[in-house]
Amino acid sequence: MTTMKHAQPLGDAASTMATGGFFDKALGLLSSVKRRWNAEAEIRNAVAELEQLDDRALRDIGLNRYDLEDRVRHHHRH
């Protein structure tokens, strides 16, 4: 009669990979959230700076006050 001592359902290597995969995914998600948060902060800062300009200065650079955020967001994506 043989007995299995300390048997693990997935085995040591598979268990480690499953746990590591979870943490890798969690870190990836956090990294993605941080990138989006930083991008949003950049957009808000750019819009705030442009809002400081008067209408003539905005017109000179081809912008108007009413579509600043849309234009900054469009530019940021490309």
C-alpha atoms as a PDB file:
ATOM      1  CA  MET A   1       0.000   0.000   0.000  1.00  0.00           C
ATOM      2  CA  THR A   2       1.395   3.349  -1.016  1.00  0.00           C
ATOM      3  CA  THR A   3       0.337   6.660   0.395  1.00  0.00           C
ATOM      4  CA  MET A   4       0.668  10.128  -1.100  1.00  0.00           C
ATOM      5  CA  LYS A   5       2.218  12.545   1.314  1.00  0.00           C
ATOM      6  CA  HIS A   6       1.289  16.214   0.974  1.00  0.00           C
ATOM      7  CA  ALA A   7      -0.447  15.834  -2.377  1.00  0.00           C
ATOM      8  CA  GLN A   8      -1.572  19.090  -3.961  1.00  0.00           C
ATOM      9  CA  PRO A   9      -4.359  19.143  -6.535  1.00  0.00           C
ATOM     10  CA  LEU A  10      -2.420  21.226  -9.048  1.00  0.00           C
ATOM     11  CA  GLY A  11       1.107  20.302  -8.083  1.00  0.00           C
ATOM     12  CA  ASP A  12       3.728  22.792  -6.942  1.00  0.00           C
ATOM     13  CA  ALA A  13       4.560  24.296 -10.338  1.00  0.00           C
ATOM     14  CA  ALA A  14       0.953  24.647 -11.479  1.00  0.00           C
ATOM     15  CA  SER A  15      -0.088  26.123  -8.140  1.00  0.00           C
ATOM     16  CA  THR A  16       2.693  28.716  -8.296  1.00  0.00           C
ATOM     17  CA  MET A  17       1.794  29.615 -11.890  1.00  0.00           C
ATOM     18  CA  ALA A  18      -1.885  30.033 -11.035  1.00  0.00           C
ATOM     19  CA  THR A  19      -1.085  32.333  -8.121  1.00  0.00           C
ATOM     20  CA  GLY A  20       1.534  34.242 -10.110  1.00  0.00           C
ATOM     21  CA  GLY A  21      -0.925  34.663 -12.955  1.00  0.00           C
ATOM     22  CA  PHE A  22      -3.456  36.227 -10.614  1.00  0.00           C
ATOM     23  CA  PHE A  23      -0.929  38.705  -9.242  1.00  0.00           C
ATOM     24  CA  ASP A  24       0.374  39.499 -12.731  1.00  0.00           C
ATOM     25  CA  LYS A  25      -3.168  40.262 -13.867  1.00  0.00           C
ATOM     26  CA  ALA A  26      -3.842  42.368 -10.778  1.00  0.00           C
ATOM     27  CA  LEU A  27      -0.621  44.350 -11.309  1.00  0.00           C
ATOM     28  CA  GLY A  28      -1.488  44.774 -14.977  1.00  0.00           C
ATOM     29  CA  LEU A  29      -4.909  46.120 -14.053  1.00  0.00           C
ATOM     30  CA  LEU A  30      -3.430  48.553 -11.533  1.00  0.00           C
ATOM     31  CA  SER A  31      -0.869  49.684 -14.090  1.00  0.00           C
ATOM     32  CA  SER A  32      -3.618  50.277 -16.645  1.00  0.00           C
ATOM     33  CA  VAL A  33      -5.669  52.287 -14.146  1.00  0.00           C
ATOM     34  CA  LYS A  34      -2.613  54.385 -13.281  1.00  0.00           C
ATOM     35  CA  ARG A  35      -1.889  55.109 -16.961  1.00  0.00           C
ATOM     36  CA  ARG A  36      -5.489  56.182 -17.538  1.00  0.00           C
ATOM     37  CA  TRP A  37      -5.464  58.315 -14.384  1.00  0.00           C
ATOM     38  CA  ASN A  38      -2.262  60.050 -15.520  1.00  0.00           C
ATOM     39  CA  ALA A  39      -3.615  60.577 -19.042  1.00  0.00           C
ATOM     40  CA  GLU A  40      -6.789  62.116 -17.634  1.00  0.00           C
ATOM     41  CA  ALA A  41      -4.716  64.435 -15.420  1.00  0.00           C
ATOM     42  CA  GLU A  42      -2.695  65.557 -18.459  1.00  0.00           C
ATOM     43  CA  ILE A  43      -5.892  66.293 -20.373  1.00  0.00           C
ATOM     44  CA  ARG A  44      -7.395  68.277 -17.489  1.00  0.00           C
ATOM     45  CA  ASN A  45      -4.167  70.277 -17.103  1.00  0.00           C
ATOM     46  CA  ALA A  46      -3.979  71.048 -20.824  1.00  0.00           C
ATOM     47  CA  VAL A  47      -7.620  72.182 -20.917  1.00  0.00           C
ATOM     48  CA  ALA A  48      -7.086  74.364 -17.830  1.00  0.00           C
ATOM     49  CA  GLU A  49      -4.057  76.030 -19.434  1.00  0.00           C
ATOM     50  CA  LEU A  50      -5.905  76.661 -22.677  1.00  0.00           C
ATOM     51  CA  GLU A  51      -8.879  78.098 -20.786  1.00  0.00           C
ATOM     52  CA  GLN A  52      -6.504  80.766 -19.434  1.00  0.00           C
ATOM     53  CA  LEU A  53      -6.057  82.162 -22.960  1.00  0.00           C
ATOM     54  CA  ASP A  54      -8.364  84.841 -24.302  1.00  0.00           C
ATOM     55  CA  ASP A  55     -10.638  84.184 -27.279  1.00  0.00           C
ATOM     56  CA  ARG A  56      -8.312  85.912 -29.737  1.00  0.00           C
ATOM     57  CA  ALA A  57      -5.320  83.801 -28.708  1.00  0.00           C
ATOM     58  CA  LEU A  58      -7.417  80.655 -28.988  1.00  0.00           C
ATOM     59  CA  ARG A  59      -8.632  81.710 -32.429  1.00  0.00           C
ATOM     60  CA  ASP A  60      -5.028  82.344 -33.507  1.00  0.00           C
ATOM     61  CA  ILE A  61      -4.174  78.721 -32.787  1.00  0.00           C
ATOM     62  CA  GLY A  62      -7.342  77.428 -34.419  1.00  0.00           C
ATOM     63  CA  LEU A  63      -9.404  76.708 -31.316  1.00  0.00           C
ATOM     64  CA  ASN A  64     -12.532  78.076 -29.758  1.00  0.00           C
ATOM     65  CA  ARG A  65     -13.496  77.981 -26.129  1.00  0.00           C
ATOM     66  CA  TYR A  66     -16.483  75.676 -26.679  1.00  0.00           C
ATOM     67  CA  ASP A  67     -14.611  72.670 -28.001  1.00  0.00           C
ATOM     68  CA  LEU A  68     -11.356  72.821 -26.052  1.00  0.00           C
ATOM     69  CA  GLU A  69     -11.844  69.585 -24.151  1.00  0.00           C
ATOM     70  CA  ASP A  70     -12.931  67.639 -27.246  1.00  0.00           C
ATOM     71  CA  ARG A  71      -9.953  68.891 -29.242  1.00  0.00           C
ATOM     72  CA  VAL A  72      -7.474  68.120 -26.444  1.00  0.00           C
ATOM     73  CA  ARG A  73      -8.924  64.617 -25.976  1.00  0.00           C
ATOM     74  CA  HIS A  74      -8.824  63.950 -29.726  1.00  0.00           C
ATOM     75  CA  HIS A  75      -5.220  65.126 -29.940  1.00  0.00           C
ATOM     76  CA  HIS A  76      -4.219  63.090 -26.895  1.00  0.00           C
ATOM     77  CA  ARG A  77      -5.498  59.856 -28.458  1.00  0.00           C
ATOM     78  CA  HIS A  78      -3.343  60.266 -31.551  1.00  0.00           C
END
